């Protein structure tokens, strides 16, 4: 049985953040990030979770909005 405190759970949850949000699929998120010429990554360790993004300053507001959306409203699709 996997313990609830297993670091693999946080790593798996972080990896799924980019897989969907309330109103967008992973493909739509990837296309939006690509359209901005940006990057968006999520990862986790045993005692932390990181969500990071980079983009040109002119797209800063848009990538931060997208990063907040996938962080605060992930859909965790079942597929």
PDB file of N, CA and C in Angstrom:
ATOM      1  N   UNK A   1       0.834  -1.174   0.000  1.00  0.00           N
ATOM      2  CA  UNK A   1       0.000   0.000   0.000  1.00  0.00           C
ATOM      3  C   UNK A   1       0.882   1.242   0.000  1.00  0.00           C
ATOM      4  N   UNK A   2       0.535   2.212  -0.832  1.00  0.00           N
ATOM      5  CA  UNK A   2       1.294   3.456  -0.898  1.00  0.00           C
ATOM      6  C   UNK A   2       0.813   4.392   0.199  1.00  0.00           C
ATOM      7  N   UNK A   3       1.767   4.892   0.955  1.00  0.00           N
ATOM      8  CA  UNK A   3       1.413   5.833   2.017  1.00  0.00           C
ATOM      9  C   UNK A   3       1.012   7.166   1.411  1.00  0.00           C
ATOM     10  N   UNK A   4       0.116   7.884   2.039  1.00  0.00           N
ATOM     11  CA  UNK A   4      -0.351   9.181   1.551  1.00  0.00           C
ATOM     12  C   UNK A   4       0.754  10.225   1.562  1.00  0.00           C
ATOM     13  N   UNK A   5       1.807  10.011   2.317  1.00  0.00           N
ATOM     14  CA  UNK A   5       2.893  10.969   2.406  1.00  0.00           C
ATOM     15  C   UNK A   5       4.012  10.660   1.416  1.00  0.00           C
ATOM     16  N   UNK A   6       3.810   9.722   0.536  1.00  0.00           N
ATOM     17  CA  UNK A   6       4.820   9.314  -0.428  1.00  0.00           C
ATOM     18  C   UNK A   6       5.136  10.469  -1.390  1.00  0.00           C
ATOM     19  N   UNK A   7       6.419  10.841  -1.562  1.00  0.00           N
ATOM     20  CA  UNK A   7       6.774  11.937  -2.462  1.00  0.00           C
ATOM     21  C   UNK A   7       6.304  11.716  -3.899  1.00  0.00           C
ATOM     22  N   UNK A   8       6.130  10.479  -4.294  1.00  0.00           N
ATOM     23  CA  UNK A   8       5.676  10.209  -5.664  1.00  0.00           C
ATOM     24  C   UNK A   8       4.305  10.810  -5.925  1.00  0.00           C
ATOM     25  N   UNK A   9       3.464  10.901  -4.906  1.00  0.00           N
ATOM     26  CA  UNK A   9       2.126  11.500  -5.086  1.00  0.00           C
ATOM     27  C   UNK A   9       2.243  12.964  -5.473  1.00  0.00           C
ATOM     28  N   UNK A  10       3.093  13.715  -4.776  1.00  0.00           N
ATOM     29  CA  UNK A  10       3.224  15.142  -5.097  1.00  0.00           C
ATOM     30  C   UNK A  10       3.844  15.333  -6.462  1.00  0.00           C
ATOM     31  N   UNK A  11       4.801  14.488  -6.820  1.00  0.00           N
ATOM     32  CA  UNK A  11       5.419  14.582  -8.139  1.00  0.00           C
ATOM     33  C   UNK A  11       4.394  14.278  -9.233  1.00  0.00           C
ATOM     34  N   UNK A  12       3.569  13.268  -9.005  1.00  0.00           N
ATOM     35  CA  UNK A  12       2.536  12.916  -9.979  1.00  0.00           C
ATOM     36  C   UNK A  12       1.509  14.041 -10.118  1.00  0.00           C
ATOM     37  N   UNK A  13       1.079  14.610  -9.007  1.00  0.00           N
ATOM     38  CA  UNK A  13       0.111  15.703  -9.044  1.00  0.00           C
ATOM     39  C   UNK A  13       0.690  16.918  -9.767  1.00  0.00           C
ATOM     40  N   UNK A  14       1.949  17.230  -9.508  1.00  0.00           N
ATOM     41  CA  UNK A  14       2.577  18.364 -10.184  1.00  0.00           C
ATOM     42  C   UNK A  14       2.676  18.113 -11.684  1.00  0.00           C
ATOM     43  N   UNK A  15       3.012  16.885 -12.060  1.00  0.00           N
ATOM     44  CA  UNK A  15       3.122  16.557 -13.489  1.00  0.00           C
ATOM     45  C   UNK A  15       1.784  16.682 -14.196  1.00  0.00           C
ATOM     46  N   UNK A  16       0.692  16.473 -13.476  1.00  0.00           N
ATOM     47  CA  UNK A  16      -0.643  16.554 -14.078  1.00  0.00           C
ATOM     48  C   UNK A  16      -1.182  17.980 -14.188  1.00  0.00           C
ATOM     49  N   UNK A  17      -0.522  18.951 -13.579  1.00  0.00           N
ATOM     50  CA  UNK A  17      -1.028  20.320 -13.630  1.00  0.00           C
ATOM     51  C   UNK A  17      -1.171  20.835 -15.063  1.00  0.00           C
ATOM     52  N   UNK A  18      -0.249  20.467 -15.940  1.00  0.00           N
ATOM     53  CA  UNK A  18      -0.302  20.933 -17.332  1.00  0.00           C
ATOM     54  C   UNK A  18      -1.237  20.111 -18.199  1.00  0.00           C
ATOM     55  N   UNK A  19      -1.886  19.109 -17.627  1.00  0.00           N
ATOM     56  CA  UNK A  19      -2.722  18.201 -18.409  1.00  0.00           C
ATOM     57  C   UNK A  19      -4.163  18.666 -18.569  1.00  0.00           C
ATOM     58  N   UNK A  20      -4.513  19.763 -17.986  1.00  0.00           N
ATOM     59  CA  UNK A  20      -5.856  20.288 -18.168  1.00  0.00           C
ATOM     60  C   UNK A  20      -6.233  21.255 -17.078  1.00  0.00           C
ATOM     61  N   UNK A  21      -7.139  22.137 -17.417  1.00  0.00           N
ATOM     62  CA  UNK A  21      -7.706  23.054 -16.440  1.00  0.00           C
ATOM     63  C   UNK A  21      -9.197  23.132 -16.723  1.00  0.00           C
ATOM     64  N   UNK A  22      -9.921  23.873 -15.953  1.00  0.00           N
ATOM     65  CA  UNK A  22     -11.385  23.893 -16.051  1.00  0.00           C
ATOM     66  C   UNK A  22     -11.925  23.904 -17.475  1.00  0.00           C
ATOM     67  N   UNK A  23     -11.389  24.727 -18.310  1.00  0.00           N
ATOM     68  CA  UNK A  23     -11.962  24.905 -19.645  1.00  0.00           C
ATOM     69  C   UNK A  23     -10.956  24.699 -20.776  1.00  0.00           C
ATOM     70  N   UNK A  24      -9.872  23.981 -20.520  1.00  0.00           N
ATOM     71  CA  UNK A  24      -8.876  23.756 -21.564  1.00  0.00           C
ATOM     72  C   UNK A  24      -8.193  22.405 -21.369  1.00  0.00           C
ATOM     73  N   UNK A  25      -7.932  21.735 -22.483  1.00  0.00           N
ATOM     74  CA  UNK A  25      -7.222  20.455 -22.454  1.00  0.00           C
ATOM     75  C   UNK A  25      -5.716  20.704 -22.429  1.00  0.00           C
ATOM     76  N   UNK A  26      -4.956  19.635 -22.268  1.00  0.00           N
ATOM     77  CA  UNK A  26      -3.498  19.766 -22.276  1.00  0.00           C
ATOM     78  C   UNK A  26      -3.000  20.292 -23.622  1.00  0.00           C
ATOM     79  N   UNK A  27      -3.642  19.878 -24.713  1.00  0.00           N
ATOM     80  CA  UNK A  27      -3.251  20.373 -26.035  1.00  0.00           C
ATOM     81  C   UNK A  27      -3.521  21.866 -26.155  1.00  0.00           C
ATOM     82  N   UNK A  28      -4.646  22.320 -25.644  1.00  0.00           N
ATOM     83  CA  UNK A  28      -4.960  23.750 -25.691  1.00  0.00           C
ATOM     84  C   UNK A  28      -3.985  24.560 -24.835  1.00  0.00           C
ATOM     85  N   UNK A  29      -3.612  24.022 -23.682  1.00  0.00           N
ATOM     86  CA  UNK A  29      -2.630  24.700 -22.832  1.00  0.00           C
ATOM     87  C   UNK A  29      -1.284  24.776 -23.552  1.00  0.00           C
ATOM     88  N   UNK A  30      -0.846  23.664 -24.134  1.00  0.00           N
ATOM     89  CA  UNK A  30       0.429  23.625 -24.860  1.00  0.00           C
ATOM     90  C   UNK A  30       0.425  24.601 -26.026  1.00  0.00           C
ATOM     91  N   UNK A  31      -0.681  24.666 -26.751  1.00  0.00           N
ATOM     92  CA  UNK A  31      -0.777  25.599 -27.881  1.00  0.00           C
ATOM     93  C   UNK A  31      -0.716  27.047 -27.412  1.00  0.00           C
ATOM     94  N   UNK A  32      -1.358  27.343 -26.300  1.00  0.00           N
ATOM     95  CA  UNK A  32      -1.333  28.704 -25.765  1.00  0.00           C
ATOM     96  C   UNK A  32       0.072  29.095 -25.313  1.00  0.00           C
ATOM     97  N   UNK A  33       0.758  28.175 -24.635  1.00  0.00           N
ATOM     98  CA  UNK A  33       2.133  28.434 -24.205  1.00  0.00           C
ATOM     99  C   UNK A  33       3.031  28.631 -25.427  1.00  0.00           C
ATOM    100  N   UNK A  34       2.870  27.785 -26.434  1.00  0.00           N
ATOM    101  CA  UNK A  34       3.672  27.899 -27.657  1.00  0.00           C
ATOM    102  C   UNK A  34       3.387  29.207 -28.388  1.00  0.00           C
ATOM    103  N   UNK A  35       2.124  29.605 -28.437  1.00  0.00           N
ATOM    104  CA  UNK A  35       1.747  30.856 -29.109  1.00  0.00           C
ATOM    105  C   UNK A  35       2.443  32.049 -28.457  1.00  0.00           C
ATOM    106  N   UNK A  36       2.627  31.968 -27.155  1.00  0.00           N
ATOM    107  CA  UNK A  36       3.310  33.038 -26.430  1.00  0.00           C
ATOM    108  C   UNK A  36       4.832  32.932 -26.533  1.00  0.00           C
ATOM    109  N   UNK A  37       5.330  31.816 -27.067  1.00  0.00           N
ATOM    110  CA  UNK A  37       6.775  31.591 -27.101  1.00  0.00           C
ATOM    111  C   UNK A  37       7.326  31.415 -25.697  1.00  0.00           C
ATOM    112  N   UNK A  38       6.530  30.812 -24.847  1.00  0.00           N
ATOM    113  CA  UNK A  38       6.857  30.700 -23.426  1.00  0.00           C
ATOM    114  C   UNK A  38       7.123  29.251 -23.034  1.00  0.00           C
ATOM    115  N   UNK A  39       7.456  29.051 -21.776  1.00  0.00           N
ATOM    116  CA  UNK A  39       7.562  27.715 -21.198  1.00  0.00           C
ATOM    117  C   UNK A  39       6.744  27.697 -19.916  1.00  0.00           C
ATOM    118  N   UNK A  40       6.240  26.513 -19.582  1.00  0.00           N
ATOM    119  CA  UNK A  40       5.463  26.331 -18.357  1.00  0.00           C
ATOM    120  C   UNK A  40       5.765  24.937 -17.840  1.00  0.00           C
ATOM    121  N   UNK A  41       6.292  24.846 -16.626  1.00  0.00           N
ATOM    122  CA  UNK A  41       6.694  23.567 -16.051  1.00  0.00           C
ATOM    123  C   UNK A  41       6.205  23.463 -14.612  1.00  0.00           C
ATOM    124  N   UNK A  42       5.951  22.244 -14.184  1.00  0.00           N
ATOM    125  CA  UNK A  42       5.615  21.975 -12.787  1.00  0.00           C
ATOM    126  C   UNK A  42       6.387  20.753 -12.331  1.00  0.00           C
ATOM    127  N   UNK A  43       6.820  20.763 -11.097  1.00  0.00           N
ATOM    128  CA  UNK A  43       7.551  19.636 -10.542  1.00  0.00           C
ATOM    129  C   UNK A  43       7.435  19.647  -9.033  1.00  0.00           C
ATOM    130  N   UNK A  44       7.894  18.592  -8.421  1.00  0.00           N
ATOM    131  CA  UNK A  44       7.804  18.495  -6.965  1.00  0.00           C
ATOM    132  C   UNK A  44       8.945  17.659  -6.422  1.00  0.00           C
ATOM    133  N   UNK A  45       9.255  17.919  -5.192  1.00  0.00           N
ATOM    134  CA  UNK A  45      10.221  17.127  -4.452  1.00  0.00           C
ATOM    135  C   UNK A  45       9.543  16.602  -3.203  1.00  0.00           C
ATOM    136  N   UNK A  46      10.318  16.111  -2.270  1.00  0.00           N
ATOM    137  CA  UNK A  46       9.733  15.526  -1.069  1.00  0.00           C
ATOM    138  C   UNK A  46       9.081  16.568  -0.164  1.00  0.00           C
ATOM    139  N   UNK A  47       9.513  17.822  -0.263  1.00  0.00           N
ATOM    140  CA  UNK A  47       8.948  18.838   0.625  1.00  0.00           C
ATOM    141  C   UNK A  47       8.633  20.165  -0.077  1.00  0.00           C
ATOM    142  N   UNK A  48       8.484  20.137  -1.386  1.00  0.00           N
ATOM    143  CA  UNK A  48       8.148  21.367  -2.106  1.00  0.00           C
ATOM    144  C   UNK A  48       7.479  21.042  -3.435  1.00  0.00           C
ATOM    145  N   UNK A  49       6.769  22.003  -3.965  1.00  0.00           N
ATOM    146  CA  UNK A  49       6.200  21.932  -5.304  1.00  0.00           C
ATOM    147  C   UNK A  49       6.571  23.231  -6.006  1.00  0.00           C
ATOM    148  N   UNK A  50       6.973  23.127  -7.263  1.00  0.00           N
ATOM    149  CA  UNK A  50       7.370  24.291  -8.042  1.00  0.00           C
ATOM    150  C   UNK A  50       6.544  24.365  -9.314  1.00  0.00           C
ATOM    151  N   UNK A  51       6.026  25.540  -9.593  1.00  0.00           N
ATOM    152  CA  UNK A  51       5.395  25.827 -10.877  1.00  0.00           C
ATOM    153  C   UNK A  51       6.155  27.026 -11.423  1.00  0.00           C
ATOM    154  N   UNK A  52       6.732  26.875 -12.609  1.00  0.00           N
ATOM    155  CA  UNK A  52       7.575  27.921 -13.169  1.00  0.00           C
ATOM    156  C   UNK A  52       7.183  28.197 -14.610  1.00  0.00           C
ATOM    157  N   UNK A  53       7.371  29.440 -15.001  1.00  0.00           N
ATOM    158  CA  UNK A  53       7.086  29.848 -16.375  1.00  0.00           C
ATOM    159  C   UNK A  53       8.103  30.894 -16.793  1.00  0.00           C
ATOM    160  N   UNK A  54       8.322  30.975 -18.089  1.00  0.00           N
ATOM    161  CA  UNK A  54       9.158  32.046 -18.619  1.00  0.00           C
ATOM    162  C   UNK A  54       8.569  32.512 -19.940  1.00  0.00           C
ATOM    163  N   UNK A  55       8.684  33.798 -20.187  1.00  0.00           N
ATOM    164  CA  UNK A  55       8.168  34.397 -21.413  1.00  0.00           C
ATOM    165  C   UNK A  55       8.806  35.770 -21.576  1.00  0.00           C
ATOM    166  N   UNK A  56       8.686  36.310 -22.755  1.00  0.00           N
ATOM    167  CA  UNK A  56       9.115  37.685 -22.960  1.00  0.00           C
ATOM    168  C   UNK A  56       8.272  38.599 -22.078  1.00  0.00           C
ATOM    169  N   UNK A  57       8.855  39.719 -21.678  1.00  0.00           N
ATOM    170  CA  UNK A  57       8.165  40.639 -20.774  1.00  0.00           C
ATOM    171  C   UNK A  57       6.805  41.077 -21.329  1.00  0.00           C
ATOM    172  N   UNK A  58       6.709  41.207 -22.635  1.00  0.00           N
ATOM    173  CA  UNK A  58       5.441  41.654 -23.216  1.00  0.00           C
ATOM    174  C   UNK A  58       4.312  40.633 -23.032  1.00  0.00           C
ATOM    175  N   UNK A  59       4.658  39.374 -22.747  1.00  0.00           N
ATOM    176  CA  UNK A  59       3.655  38.338 -22.500  1.00  0.00           C
ATOM    177  C   UNK A  59       3.601  37.931 -21.032  1.00  0.00           C
ATOM    178  N   UNK A  60       4.249  38.705 -20.173  1.00  0.00           N
ATOM    179  CA  UNK A  60       4.321  38.370 -18.756  1.00  0.00           C
ATOM    180  C   UNK A  60       2.957  38.204 -18.103  1.00  0.00           C
ATOM    181  N   UNK A  61       2.056  39.132 -18.354  1.00  0.00           N
ATOM    182  CA  UNK A  61       0.719  39.052 -17.752  1.00  0.00           C
ATOM    183  C   UNK A  61      -0.020  37.805 -18.213  1.00  0.00           C
ATOM    184  N   UNK A  62       0.098  37.487 -19.492  1.00  0.00           N
ATOM    185  CA  UNK A  62      -0.631  36.340 -20.036  1.00  0.00           C
ATOM    186  C   UNK A  62      -0.099  35.015 -19.496  1.00  0.00           C
ATOM    187  N   UNK A  63       1.232  34.861 -19.418  1.00  0.00           N
ATOM    188  CA  UNK A  63       1.776  33.595 -18.929  1.00  0.00           C
ATOM    189  C   UNK A  63       1.538  33.455 -17.422  1.00  0.00           C
ATOM    190  N   UNK A  64       1.561  34.553 -16.680  1.00  0.00           N
ATOM    191  CA  UNK A  64       1.259  34.476 -15.256  1.00  0.00           C
ATOM    192  C   UNK A  64      -0.199  34.108 -15.022  1.00  0.00           C
ATOM    193  N   UNK A  65      -1.092  34.624 -15.856  1.00  0.00           N
ATOM    194  CA  UNK A  65      -2.501  34.267 -15.762  1.00  0.00           C
ATOM    195  C   UNK A  65      -2.702  32.778 -16.054  1.00  0.00           C
ATOM    196  N   UNK A  66      -2.024  32.281 -17.079  1.00  0.00           N
ATOM    197  CA  UNK A  66      -2.111  30.862 -17.421  1.00  0.00           C
ATOM    198  C   UNK A  66      -1.523  29.997 -16.305  1.00  0.00           C
ATOM    199  N   UNK A  67      -0.384  30.404 -15.759  1.00  0.00           N
ATOM    200  CA  UNK A  67       0.250  29.659 -14.678  1.00  0.00           C
ATOM    201  C   UNK A  67      -0.674  29.615 -13.461  1.00  0.00           C
ATOM    202  N   UNK A  68      -1.288  30.722 -13.128  1.00  0.00           N
ATOM    203  CA  UNK A  68      -2.220  30.746 -11.995  1.00  0.00           C
ATOM    204  C   UNK A  68      -3.424  29.853 -12.271  1.00  0.00           C
ATOM    205  N   UNK A  69      -3.918  29.858 -13.495  1.00  0.00           N
ATOM    206  CA  UNK A  69      -5.091  29.064 -13.841  1.00  0.00           C
ATOM    207  C   UNK A  69      -4.814  27.564 -13.711  1.00  0.00           C
ATOM    208  N   UNK A  70      -3.689  27.086 -14.241  1.00  0.00           N
ATOM    209  CA  UNK A  70      -3.403  25.648 -14.140  1.00  0.00           C
ATOM    210  C   UNK A  70      -3.068  25.245 -12.703  1.00  0.00           C
ATOM    211  N   UNK A  71      -2.544  26.175 -11.915  1.00  0.00           N
ATOM    212  CA  UNK A  71      -2.211  25.876 -10.526  1.00  0.00           C
ATOM    213  C   UNK A  71      -3.449  25.857  -9.634  1.00  0.00           C
ATOM    214  N   UNK A  72      -4.334  26.822  -9.835  1.00  0.00           N
ATOM    215  CA  UNK A  72      -5.498  26.959  -8.954  1.00  0.00           C
ATOM    216  C   UNK A  72      -6.726  26.185  -9.425  1.00  0.00           C
ATOM    217  N   UNK A  73      -6.795  25.872 -10.734  1.00  0.00           N
ATOM    218  CA  UNK A  73      -7.982  25.185 -11.267  1.00  0.00           C
ATOM    219  C   UNK A  73      -7.627  24.007 -12.179  1.00  0.00           C
ATOM    220  N   UNK A  74      -6.794  23.081 -11.703  1.00  0.00           N
ATOM    221  CA  UNK A  74      -6.465  21.921 -12.540  1.00  0.00           C
ATOM    222  C   UNK A  74      -7.668  21.004 -12.689  1.00  0.00           C
ATOM    223  N   UNK A  75      -7.740  20.304 -13.816  1.00  0.00           N
ATOM    224  CA  UNK A  75      -8.881  19.402 -14.014  1.00  0.00           C
ATOM    225  C   UNK A  75      -8.522  17.949 -13.721  1.00  0.00           C
ATOM    226  N   UNK A  76      -7.243  17.585 -13.722  1.00  0.00           N
ATOM    227  CA  UNK A  76      -6.787  16.218 -13.502  1.00  0.00           C
ATOM    228  C   UNK A  76      -7.641  15.228 -14.301  1.00  0.00           C
ATOM    229  N   UNK A  77      -7.537  15.300 -15.636  1.00  0.00           N
ATOM    230  CA  UNK A  77      -8.364  14.428 -16.482  1.00  0.00           C
ATOM    231  C   UNK A  77      -8.094  12.949 -16.224  1.00  0.00           C
ATOM    232  N   UNK A  78      -9.102  12.136 -16.429  1.00  0.00           N
ATOM    233  CA  UNK A  78      -8.990  10.715 -16.131  1.00  0.00           C
ATOM    234  C   UNK A  78      -8.341   9.892 -17.219  1.00  0.00           C
ATOM    235  N   UNK A  79      -8.053  10.460 -18.363  1.00  0.00           N
ATOM    236  CA  UNK A  79      -7.473   9.695 -19.474  1.00  0.00           C
ATOM    237  C   UNK A  79      -5.980   9.598 -19.351  1.00  0.00           C
TER     238      UNK A  79
END
